[in-house]
């Protein structure tokens, strides 16, 4: 299992590289998989991003599905 801080840093990298538009957790997972990173699930990605949204690191756009962008 990857430490939580490393999980967020991998997700952050995807969001920074694709900063032109917010991404869904599923899209983030697809980008991570394409680069060879093992991702547990879109649900795990959404959970990590939700935790970081509380600290102000991430914006959550409440649409269906939710979209995320780095601050």
Protein backbone atom coordinates (compact mmCIF):
# COMPACT_ATOMS: atom_id res chain seq x y z
CA UNK A 1 0.00 0.00 0.00
CA UNK A 2 1.26 3.47 -0.90
CA UNK A 3 1.48 6.01 1.95
CA UNK A 4 -1.32 8.58 1.84
CA UNK A 5 0.94 11.54 1.14
CA UNK A 6 2.39 9.75 -1.89
CA UNK A 7 -1.10 8.95 -3.15
CA UNK A 8 -2.06 12.60 -3.03
CA UNK A 9 1.17 13.71 -4.69
CA UNK A 10 0.53 11.34 -7.63
CA UNK A 11 -3.02 12.66 -7.95
CA UNK A 12 -1.79 16.25 -7.63
CA UNK A 13 0.65 15.67 -10.49
CA UNK A 14 -2.19 14.60 -12.79
CA UNK A 15 -4.30 17.61 -11.83
CA UNK A 16 -1.39 20.00 -12.37
CA UNK A 17 -0.50 18.48 -15.76
CA UNK A 18 -4.10 18.80 -16.90
CA UNK A 19 -4.92 22.09 -15.21
CA UNK A 20 -6.84 23.40 -18.23
CA UNK A 21 -10.00 21.67 -17.01
CA UNK A 22 -11.27 19.96 -13.85
CA UNK A 23 -11.20 16.15 -13.91
CA UNK A 24 -13.40 13.43 -12.43
CA UNK A 25 -11.91 10.83 -10.11
CA UNK A 26 -12.33 8.26 -12.87
CA UNK A 27 -10.42 10.43 -15.37
CA UNK A 28 -7.64 10.94 -12.85
CA UNK A 29 -7.46 7.18 -12.32
CA UNK A 30 -7.26 6.58 -16.06
CA UNK A 31 -4.36 9.02 -16.38
CA UNK A 32 -2.57 7.37 -13.46
CA UNK A 33 -3.07 3.93 -15.00
CA UNK A 34 -1.73 5.14 -18.35
CA UNK A 35 1.46 6.28 -16.62
CA UNK A 36 1.85 2.93 -14.87
CA UNK A 37 0.63 3.93 -11.40
CA UNK A 38 -1.49 1.39 -9.61
CA UNK A 39 -4.72 2.99 -8.39
CA UNK A 40 -7.12 1.28 -6.02
CA UNK A 41 -10.31 2.86 -7.36
CA UNK A 42 -12.02 6.07 -8.39
CA UNK A 43 -13.69 6.00 -4.97
CA UNK A 44 -10.28 6.04 -3.25
CA UNK A 45 -9.17 8.98 -5.43
CA UNK A 46 -12.37 10.88 -4.55
CA UNK A 47 -11.84 10.17 -0.85
CA UNK A 48 -8.27 11.47 -0.94
CA UNK A 49 -9.34 14.59 -2.83
CA UNK A 50 -12.23 15.19 -0.44
CA UNK A 51 -9.85 15.08 2.51
CA UNK A 52 -7.56 17.60 0.85
CA UNK A 53 -10.50 19.83 -0.09
CA UNK A 54 -11.09 20.34 3.63
CA UNK A 55 -7.60 21.82 3.98
CA UNK A 56 -8.02 24.02 0.90
CA UNK A 57 -5.60 22.18 -1.40
CA UNK A 58 -8.31 21.05 -3.83
CA UNK A 59 -11.46 22.57 -5.30
CA UNK A 60 -14.44 20.24 -5.61
CA UNK A 61 -16.90 21.15 -8.32
CA UNK A 62 -20.19 19.63 -7.28
CA UNK A 63 -21.60 18.38 -10.54
CA UNK A 64 -22.52 14.87 -11.63
CA UNK A 65 -19.95 13.44 -11.45
CA UNK A 66 -17.89 15.60 -9.12
CA UNK A 67 -14.85 17.23 -10.72
CA UNK A 68 -11.64 18.27 -9.06
CA UNK A 69 -8.92 20.83 -9.60
CA UNK A 70 -5.85 21.80 -7.63
CA UNK A 71 -5.71 25.24 -6.03
